Amino acid sequence: MATKLAKGKSIKEALKITRKTVADELGGLPPQKLHCSNLASDAFRMAITGYFRKTDQEDRIKEFGLEKELKAPESREKGEQGEVCED
């Protein structure tokens, strides 16, 4: 869903896709499934950050407010890593 929402948009527009945007487009999700949709928007932001780093555009990371994505997973807030989707 995150990819579908981002298709054809500029990076600036695509970064407006939030966890809530993805969940809403999926018609809402039960609380026990919400973290699965969060992974999509988080991964999308991390992919854009990785692209900027690999193409020597690190100045754009700050421009787009992606500094959080540069942190190592173990330094992120509790609950943002290691979550497992369950049936």
PDB file of N, CA and C in Angstrom:
ATOM      1  N   MET A   1       0.830  -1.193   0.000  1.00  0.00           N
ATOM      2  CA  MET A   1       0.000   0.000   0.000  1.00  0.00           C
ATOM      3  C   MET A   1       0.870   1.251   0.000  1.00  0.00           C
ATOM      4  N   ALA A   2       1.954   1.247   0.780  1.00  0.00           N
ATOM      5  CA  ALA A   2       2.843   2.418   0.827  1.00  0.00           C
ATOM      6  C   ALA A   2       3.414   2.708  -0.554  1.00  0.00           C
ATOM      7  N   THR A   3       3.800   1.685  -1.274  1.00  0.00           N
ATOM      8  CA  THR A   3       4.343   1.855  -2.622  1.00  0.00           C
ATOM      9  C   THR A   3       3.284   2.413  -3.563  1.00  0.00           C
ATOM     10  N   LYS A   4       2.081   1.890  -3.463  1.00  0.00           N
ATOM     11  CA  LYS A   4       0.986   2.372  -4.301  1.00  0.00           C
ATOM     12  C   LYS A   4       0.718   3.850  -4.038  1.00  0.00           C
ATOM     13  N   LEU A   5       0.750   4.237  -2.778  1.00  0.00           N
ATOM     14  CA  LEU A   5       0.503   5.634  -2.419  1.00  0.00           C
ATOM     15  C   LEU A   5       1.619   6.558  -2.896  1.00  0.00           C
ATOM     16  N   ALA A   6       2.841   6.059  -2.949  1.00  0.00           N
ATOM     17  CA  ALA A   6       3.994   6.887  -3.318  1.00  0.00           C
ATOM     18  C   ALA A   6       4.212   6.997  -4.822  1.00  0.00           C
ATOM     19  N   LYS A   7       3.676   6.077  -5.573  1.00  0.00           N
ATOM     20  CA  LYS A   7       3.918   6.041  -7.012  1.00  0.00           C
ATOM     21  C   LYS A   7       3.508   7.362  -7.676  1.00  0.00           C
ATOM     22  N   GLY A   8       4.444   7.936  -8.451  1.00  0.00           N
ATOM     23  CA  GLY A   8       4.178   9.162  -9.189  1.00  0.00           C
ATOM     24  C   GLY A   8       4.337  10.442  -8.387  1.00  0.00           C
ATOM     25  N   LYS A   9       4.692  10.327  -7.113  1.00  0.00           N
ATOM     26  CA  LYS A   9       4.845  11.511  -6.275  1.00  0.00           C
ATOM     27  C   LYS A   9       6.314  11.913  -6.182  1.00  0.00           C
ATOM     28  N   SER A  10       6.550  13.179  -5.896  1.00  0.00           N
ATOM     29  CA  SER A  10       7.914  13.640  -5.618  1.00  0.00           C
ATOM     30  C   SER A  10       8.321  13.071  -4.260  1.00  0.00           C
ATOM     31  N   ILE A  11       9.606  13.130  -3.952  1.00  0.00           N
ATOM     32  CA  ILE A  11      10.061  12.649  -2.648  1.00  0.00           C
ATOM     33  C   ILE A  11       9.381  13.440  -1.538  1.00  0.00           C
ATOM     34  N   LYS A  12       9.297  14.732  -1.705  1.00  0.00           N
ATOM     35  CA  LYS A  12       8.664  15.580  -0.687  1.00  0.00           C
ATOM     36  C   LYS A  12       7.213  15.158  -0.448  1.00  0.00           C
ATOM     37  N   GLU A  13       6.482  14.898  -1.527  1.00  0.00           N
ATOM     38  CA  GLU A  13       5.080  14.463  -1.406  1.00  0.00           C
ATOM     39  C   GLU A  13       4.997  13.068  -0.791  1.00  0.00           C
ATOM     40  N   ALA A  14       5.885  12.183  -1.221  1.00  0.00           N
ATOM     41  CA  ALA A  14       5.855  10.798  -0.741  1.00  0.00           C
ATOM     42  C   ALA A  14       6.169  10.709   0.749  1.00  0.00           C
ATOM     43  N   LEU A  15       7.006  11.610   1.246  1.00  0.00           N
ATOM     44  CA  LEU A  15       7.345  11.578   2.663  1.00  0.00           C
ATOM     45  C   LEU A  15       6.187  12.033   3.554  1.00  0.00           C
ATOM     46  N   LYS A  16       5.130  12.515   2.957  1.00  0.00           N
ATOM     47  CA  LYS A  16       3.931  12.866   3.719  1.00  0.00           C
ATOM     48  C   LYS A  16       3.088  11.620   4.022  1.00  0.00           C
ATOM     49  N   ILE A  17       3.477  10.498   3.443  1.00  0.00           N
ATOM     50  CA  ILE A  17       2.777   9.237   3.710  1.00  0.00           C
ATOM     51  C   ILE A  17       3.213   8.759   5.093  1.00  0.00           C
ATOM     52  N   THR A  18       2.263   8.710   5.987  1.00  0.00           N
ATOM     53  CA  THR A  18       2.563   8.357   7.376  1.00  0.00           C
ATOM     54  C   THR A  18       2.028   6.966   7.709  1.00  0.00           C
ATOM     55  N   ARG A  19       2.325   6.538   8.894  1.00  0.00           N
ATOM     56  CA  ARG A  19       1.781   5.265   9.384  1.00  0.00           C
ATOM     57  C   ARG A  19       0.250   5.296   9.323  1.00  0.00           C
ATOM     58  N   LYS A  20      -0.322   6.430   9.739  1.00  0.00           N
ATOM     59  CA  LYS A  20      -1.789   6.575   9.738  1.00  0.00           C
ATOM     60  C   LYS A  20      -2.336   6.541   8.308  1.00  0.00           C
ATOM     61  N   THR A  21      -1.631   7.176   7.372  1.00  0.00           N
ATOM     62  CA  THR A  21      -2.071   7.187   5.978  1.00  0.00           C
ATOM     63  C   THR A  21      -2.207   5.762   5.455  1.00  0.00           C
ATOM     64  N   VAL A  22      -1.191   4.949   5.700  1.00  0.00           N
ATOM     65  CA  VAL A  22      -1.196   3.566   5.215  1.00  0.00           C
ATOM     66  C   VAL A  22      -2.341   2.791   5.865  1.00  0.00           C
ATOM     67  N   ALA A  23      -2.482   2.893   7.179  1.00  0.00           N
ATOM     68  CA  ALA A  23      -3.550   2.178   7.885  1.00  0.00           C
ATOM     69  C   ALA A  23      -4.927   2.612   7.396  1.00  0.00           C
ATOM     70  N   ASP A  24      -5.109   3.913   7.202  1.00  0.00           N
ATOM     71  CA  ASP A  24      -6.400   4.419   6.723  1.00  0.00           C
ATOM     72  C   ASP A  24      -6.717   3.888   5.328  1.00  0.00           C
ATOM     73  N   GLU A  25      -5.712   3.860   4.454  1.00  0.00           N
ATOM     74  CA  GLU A  25      -5.930   3.357   3.094  1.00  0.00           C
ATOM     75  C   GLU A  25      -6.267   1.869   3.082  1.00  0.00           C
ATOM     76  N   LEU A  26      -5.819   1.158   4.093  1.00  0.00           N
ATOM     77  CA  LEU A  26      -6.139  -0.263   4.202  1.00  0.00           C
ATOM     78  C   LEU A  26      -7.511  -0.487   4.841  1.00  0.00           C
ATOM     79  N   GLY A  27      -8.211   0.600   5.116  1.00  0.00           N
ATOM     80  CA  GLY A  27      -9.556   0.497   5.686  1.00  0.00           C
ATOM     81  C   GLY A  27      -9.547   0.354   7.192  1.00  0.00           C
ATOM     82  N   GLY A  28      -8.451   0.731   7.819  1.00  0.00           N
ATOM     83  CA  GLY A  28      -8.326   0.576   9.266  1.00  0.00           C
ATOM     84  C   GLY A  28      -7.884  -0.838   9.587  1.00  0.00           C
ATOM     85  N   LEU A  29      -7.205  -0.979  10.673  1.00  0.00           N
ATOM     86  CA  LEU A  29      -6.693  -2.283  11.079  1.00  0.00           C
ATOM     87  C   LEU A  29      -6.952  -2.498  12.563  1.00  0.00           C
ATOM     88  N   PRO A  30      -7.116  -3.762  12.960  1.00  0.00           N
ATOM     89  CA  PRO A  30      -7.244  -4.019  14.401  1.00  0.00           C
ATOM     90  C   PRO A  30      -5.909  -3.699  15.080  1.00  0.00           C
ATOM     91  N   PRO A  31      -5.935  -3.328  16.346  1.00  0.00           N
ATOM     92  CA  PRO A  31      -4.707  -2.932  17.045  1.00  0.00           C
ATOM     93  C   PRO A  31      -3.565  -3.943  16.945  1.00  0.00           C
ATOM     94  N   GLN A  32      -3.876  -5.231  16.963  1.00  0.00           N
ATOM     95  CA  GLN A  32      -2.819  -6.241  16.907  1.00  0.00           C
ATOM     96  C   GLN A  32      -2.165  -6.338  15.525  1.00  0.00           C
ATOM     97  N   LYS A  33      -2.713  -5.701  14.518  1.00  0.00           N
ATOM     98  CA  LYS A  33      -2.144  -5.707  13.165  1.00  0.00           C
ATOM     99  C   LYS A  33      -1.554  -4.352  12.764  1.00  0.00           C
ATOM    100  N   LEU A  34      -1.800  -3.340  13.539  1.00  0.00           N
ATOM    101  CA  LEU A  34      -1.385  -1.991  13.192  1.00  0.00           C
ATOM    102  C   LEU A  34       0.122  -1.877  12.994  1.00  0.00           C
ATOM    103  N   HIS A  35       0.895  -2.555  13.808  1.00  0.00           N
ATOM    104  CA  HIS A  35       2.351  -2.449  13.675  1.00  0.00           C
ATOM    105  C   HIS A  35       2.849  -2.992  12.343  1.00  0.00           C
ATOM    106  N   CYS A  36       2.134  -3.915  11.735  1.00  0.00           N
ATOM    107  CA  CYS A  36       2.541  -4.450  10.430  1.00  0.00           C
ATOM    108  C   CYS A  36       2.497  -3.349   9.362  1.00  0.00           C
ATOM    109  N   SER A  37       1.468  -2.527   9.392  1.00  0.00           N
ATOM    110  CA  SER A  37       1.396  -1.438   8.417  1.00  0.00           C
ATOM    111  C   SER A  37       2.411  -0.352   8.744  1.00  0.00           C
ATOM    112  N   ASN A  38       2.754  -0.196  10.023  1.00  0.00           N
ATOM    113  CA  ASN A  38       3.772   0.787  10.410  1.00  0.00           C
ATOM    114  C   ASN A  38       5.116   0.447   9.790  1.00  0.00           C
ATOM    115  N   LEU A  39       5.413  -0.823   9.678  1.00  0.00           N
ATOM    116  CA  LEU A  39       6.690  -1.244   9.115  1.00  0.00           C
ATOM    117  C   LEU A  39       6.854  -0.739   7.684  1.00  0.00           C
ATOM    118  N   ALA A  40       5.775  -0.686   6.931  1.00  0.00           N
ATOM    119  CA  ALA A  40       5.855  -0.245   5.526  1.00  0.00           C
ATOM    120  C   ALA A  40       6.266   1.220   5.426  1.00  0.00           C
ATOM    121  N   SER A  41       5.616   2.092   6.167  1.00  0.00           N
ATOM    122  CA  SER A  41       5.964   3.513   6.074  1.00  0.00           C
ATOM    123  C   SER A  41       7.347   3.774   6.662  1.00  0.00           C
ATOM    124  N   ASP A  42       7.721   3.059   7.717  1.00  0.00           N
ATOM    125  CA  ASP A  42       9.055   3.217   8.298  1.00  0.00           C
ATOM    126  C   ASP A  42      10.127   2.760   7.305  1.00  0.00           C
ATOM    127  N   ALA A  43       9.914   1.625   6.662  1.00  0.00           N
ATOM    128  CA  ALA A  43      10.882   1.101   5.693  1.00  0.00           C
ATOM    129  C   ALA A  43      11.008   2.044   4.498  1.00  0.00           C
ATOM    130  N   PHE A  44       9.917   2.632   4.095  1.00  0.00           N
ATOM    131  CA  PHE A  44       9.915   3.572   2.981  1.00  0.00           C
ATOM    132  C   PHE A  44      10.813   4.767   3.296  1.00  0.00           C
ATOM    133  N   ARG A  45      10.665   5.328   4.499  1.00  0.00           N
ATOM    134  CA  ARG A  45      11.492   6.461   4.915  1.00  0.00           C
ATOM    135  C   ARG A  45      12.964   6.058   4.993  1.00  0.00           C
ATOM    136  N   MET A  46      13.219   4.870   5.486  1.00  0.00           N
ATOM    137  CA  MET A  46      14.598   4.395   5.580  1.00  0.00           C
ATOM    138  C   MET A  46      15.196   4.177   4.188  1.00  0.00           C
ATOM    139  N   ALA A  47      14.396   3.719   3.250  1.00  0.00           N
ATOM    140  CA  ALA A  47      14.885   3.506   1.882  1.00  0.00           C
ATOM    141  C   ALA A  47      15.261   4.841   1.229  1.00  0.00           C
ATOM    142  N   ILE A  48      14.461   5.862   1.447  1.00  0.00           N
ATOM    143  CA  ILE A  48      14.772   7.181   0.900  1.00  0.00           C
ATOM    144  C   ILE A  48      16.063   7.707   1.527  1.00  0.00           C
ATOM    145  N   THR A  49      16.213   7.522   2.823  1.00  0.00           N
ATOM    146  CA  THR A  49      17.436   7.935   3.509  1.00  0.00           C
ATOM    147  C   THR A  49      18.647   7.206   2.929  1.00  0.00           C
ATOM    148  N   GLY A  50      18.511   5.897   2.730  1.00  0.00           N
ATOM    149  CA  GLY A  50      19.599   5.111   2.141  1.00  0.00           C
ATOM    150  C   GLY A  50      19.948   5.581   0.746  1.00  0.00           C
ATOM    151  N   TYR A  51      18.952   5.922  -0.031  1.00  0.00           N
ATOM    152  CA  TYR A  51      19.181   6.441  -1.380  1.00  0.00           C
ATOM    153  C   TYR A  51      19.999   7.728  -1.327  1.00  0.00           C
ATOM    154  N   PHE A  52      19.619   8.638  -0.431  1.00  0.00           N
ATOM    155  CA  PHE A  52      20.356   9.896  -0.306  1.00  0.00           C
ATOM    156  C   PHE A  52      21.808   9.643   0.086  1.00  0.00           C
ATOM    157  N   ARG A  53      22.016   8.704   0.992  1.00  0.00           N
ATOM    158  CA  ARG A  53      23.389   8.408   1.428  1.00  0.00           C
ATOM    159  C   ARG A  53      24.205   7.811   0.283  1.00  0.00           C
ATOM    160  N   LYS A  54      23.638   6.881  -0.447  1.00  0.00           N
ATOM    161  CA  LYS A  54      24.374   6.205  -1.528  1.00  0.00           C
ATOM    162  C   LYS A  54      24.657   7.116  -2.714  1.00  0.00           C
ATOM    163  N   THR A  55      23.864   8.154  -2.867  1.00  0.00           N
ATOM    164  CA  THR A  55      24.046   9.056  -4.009  1.00  0.00           C
ATOM    165  C   THR A  55      24.674  10.386  -3.589  1.00  0.00           C
ATOM    166  N   ASP A  56      25.376  10.369  -2.461  1.00  0.00           N
ATOM    167  CA  ASP A  56      26.072  11.559  -1.953  1.00  0.00           C
ATOM    168  C   ASP A  56      25.168  12.785  -1.846  1.00  0.00           C
ATOM    169  N   GLN A  57      23.958  12.581  -1.346  1.00  0.00           N
ATOM    170  CA  GLN A  57      23.009  13.680  -1.139  1.00  0.00           C
ATOM    171  C   GLN A  57      22.622  13.773   0.334  1.00  0.00           C
ATOM    172  N   GLU A  58      23.608  13.547   1.202  1.00  0.00           N
ATOM    173  CA  GLU A  58      23.321  13.516   2.644  1.00  0.00           C
ATOM    174  C   GLU A  58      22.731  14.823   3.162  1.00  0.00           C
ATOM    175  N   ASP A  59      22.995  15.937   2.491  1.00  0.00           N
ATOM    176  CA  ASP A  59      22.399  17.209   2.894  1.00  0.00           C
ATOM    177  C   ASP A  59      20.880  17.165   2.782  1.00  0.00           C
ATOM    178  N   ARG A  60      20.370  16.332   1.901  1.00  0.00           N
ATOM    179  CA  ARG A  60      18.910  16.224   1.717  1.00  0.00           C
ATOM    180  C   ARG A  60      18.255  15.476   2.868  1.00  0.00           C
ATOM    181  N   ILE A  61      19.027  14.671   3.604  1.00  0.00           N
ATOM    182  CA  ILE A  61      18.480  13.955   4.761  1.00  0.00           C
ATOM    183  C   ILE A  61      17.947  14.957   5.774  1.00  0.00           C
ATOM    184  N   LYS A  62      18.734  15.957   6.068  1.00  0.00           N
ATOM    185  CA  LYS A  62      18.289  16.994   7.005  1.00  0.00           C
ATOM    186  C   LYS A  62      17.175  17.840   6.392  1.00  0.00           C
ATOM    187  N   GLU A  63      17.326  18.154   5.116  1.00  0.00           N
ATOM    188  CA  GLU A  63      16.312  18.954   4.413  1.00  0.00           C
ATOM    189  C   GLU A  63      14.922  18.334   4.537  1.00  0.00           C
ATOM    190  N   PHE A  64      14.854  17.004   4.459  1.00  0.00           N
ATOM    191  CA  PHE A  64      13.567  16.308   4.513  1.00  0.00           C
ATOM    192  C   PHE A  64      13.235  15.774   5.910  1.00  0.00           C
ATOM    193  N   GLY A  65      14.058  16.114   6.903  1.00  0.00           N
ATOM    194  CA  GLY A  65      13.764  15.699   8.279  1.00  0.00           C
ATOM    195  C   GLY A  65      13.901  14.212   8.519  1.00  0.00           C
ATOM    196  N   LEU A  66      14.885  13.583   7.909  1.00  0.00           N
ATOM    197  CA  LEU A  66      15.063  12.137   8.013  1.00  0.00           C
ATOM    198  C   LEU A  66      16.199  11.741   8.959  1.00  0.00           C
ATOM    199  N   GLU A  67      16.616  12.629   9.843  1.00  0.00           N
ATOM    200  CA  GLU A  67      17.731  12.335  10.733  1.00  0.00           C
ATOM    201  C   GLU A  67      17.462  11.110  11.606  1.00  0.00           C
ATOM    202  N   LYS A  68      16.223  10.924  12.018  1.00  0.00           N
ATOM    203  CA  LYS A  68      15.861   9.795  12.877  1.00  0.00           C
ATOM    204  C   LYS A  68      16.200   8.460  12.207  1.00  0.00           C
ATOM    205  N   GLU A  69      16.057   8.396  10.897  1.00  0.00           N
ATOM    206  CA  GLU A  69      16.312   7.160  10.173  1.00  0.00           C
ATOM    207  C   GLU A  69      17.796   6.795  10.141  1.00  0.00           C
ATOM    208  N   LEU A  70      18.666   7.724  10.504  1.00  0.00           N
ATOM    209  CA  LEU A  70      20.103   7.444  10.523  1.00  0.00           C
ATOM    210  C   LEU A  70      20.536   6.713  11.782  1.00  0.00           C
ATOM    211  N   LYS A  71      19.696   6.741  12.814  1.00  0.00           N
ATOM    212  CA  LYS A  71      20.051   6.090  14.072  1.00  0.00           C
ATOM    213  C   LYS A  71      20.068   4.581  13.898  1.00  0.00           C
ATOM    214  N   ALA A  72      20.955   3.943  14.638  1.00  0.00           N
ATOM    215  CA  ALA A  72      20.998   2.480  14.648  1.00  0.00           C
ATOM    216  C   ALA A  72      19.716   1.961  15.283  1.00  0.00           C
ATOM    217  N   PRO A  73      19.219   0.806  14.823  1.00  0.00           N
ATOM    218  CA  PRO A  73      17.955   0.269  15.361  1.00  0.00           C
ATOM    219  C   PRO A  73      17.937   0.167  16.882  1.00  0.00           C
ATOM    220  N   GLU A  74      19.059  -0.189  17.505  1.00  0.00           N
ATOM    221  CA  GLU A  74      19.056  -0.354  18.959  1.00  0.00           C
ATOM    222  C   GLU A  74      18.917   0.973  19.698  1.00  0.00           C
ATOM    223  N   SER A  75      19.132   2.091  19.002  1.00  0.00           N
ATOM    224  CA  SER A  75      19.011   3.390  19.652  1.00  0.00           C
ATOM    225  C   SER A  75      17.647   4.038  19.439  1.00  0.00           C
ATOM    226  N   ARG A  76      16.783   3.390  18.680  1.00  0.00           N
ATOM    227  CA  ARG A  76      15.447   3.947  18.451  1.00  0.00           C
ATOM    228  C   ARG A  76      14.557   3.712  19.664  1.00  0.00           C
ATOM    229  N   GLU A  77      13.444   4.400  19.667  1.00  0.00           N
ATOM    230  CA  GLU A  77      12.517   4.278  20.779  1.00  0.00           C
ATOM    231  C   GLU A  77      12.026   2.842  20.908  1.00  0.00           C
ATOM    232  N   LYS A  78      11.749   2.455  22.137  1.00  0.00           N
ATOM    233  CA  LYS A  78      11.242   1.115  22.408  1.00  0.00           C
ATOM    234  C   LYS A  78       9.975   0.879  21.595  1.00  0.00           C
ATOM    235  N   GLY A  79       9.861  -0.299  21.018  1.00  0.00           N
ATOM    236  CA  GLY A  79       8.676  -0.660  20.253  1.00  0.00           C
ATOM    237  C   GLY A  79       8.811  -0.412  18.774  1.00  0.00           C
ATOM    238  N   GLU A  80       9.900   0.200  18.318  1.00  0.00           N
ATOM    239  CA  GLU A  80      10.059   0.456  16.902  1.00  0.00           C
ATOM    240  C   GLU A  80      10.917  -0.598  16.219  1.00  0.00           C
ATOM    241  N   GLN A  81      11.387  -1.576  16.951  1.00  0.00           N
ATOM    242  CA  GLN A  81      12.223  -2.594  16.330  1.00  0.00           C
ATOM    243  C   GLN A  81      11.802  -3.968  16.841  1.00  0.00           C
ATOM    244  N   GLY A  82      12.116  -4.961  16.089  1.00  0.00           N
ATOM    245  CA  GLY A  82      11.908  -6.329  16.521  1.00  0.00           C
ATOM    246  C   GLY A  82      10.468  -6.762  16.666  1.00  0.00           C
ATOM    247  N   GLU A  83       9.544  -6.017  16.142  1.00  0.00           N
ATOM    248  CA  GLU A  83       8.150  -6.418  16.238  1.00  0.00           C
ATOM    249  C   GLU A  83       7.853  -7.490  15.205  1.00  0.00           C
ATOM    250  N   VAL A  84       7.004  -8.407  15.570  1.00  0.00           N
ATOM    251  CA  VAL A  84       6.677  -9.521  14.700  1.00  0.00           C
ATOM    252  C   VAL A  84       5.192  -9.476  14.376  1.00  0.00           C
ATOM    253  N   CYS A  85       4.864  -9.600  13.108  1.00  0.00           N
ATOM    254  CA  CYS A  85       3.456  -9.665  12.738  1.00  0.00           C
ATOM    255  C   CYS A  85       2.926 -11.037  13.078  1.00  0.00           C
ATOM    256  N   GLU A  86       1.782 -11.074  13.710  1.00  0.00           N
ATOM    257  CA  GLU A  86       1.146 -12.329  14.075  1.00  0.00           C
ATOM    258  C   GLU A  86      -0.198 -12.442  13.393  1.00  0.00           C
ATOM    259  N   ASP A  87      -0.657 -13.660  13.215  1.00  0.00           N
ATOM    260  CA  ASP A  87      -1.983 -13.879  12.616  1.00  0.00           C
ATOM    261  C   ASP A  87      -3.085 -13.446  13.525  1.00  0.00           C
TER     262      ASP A  87
END
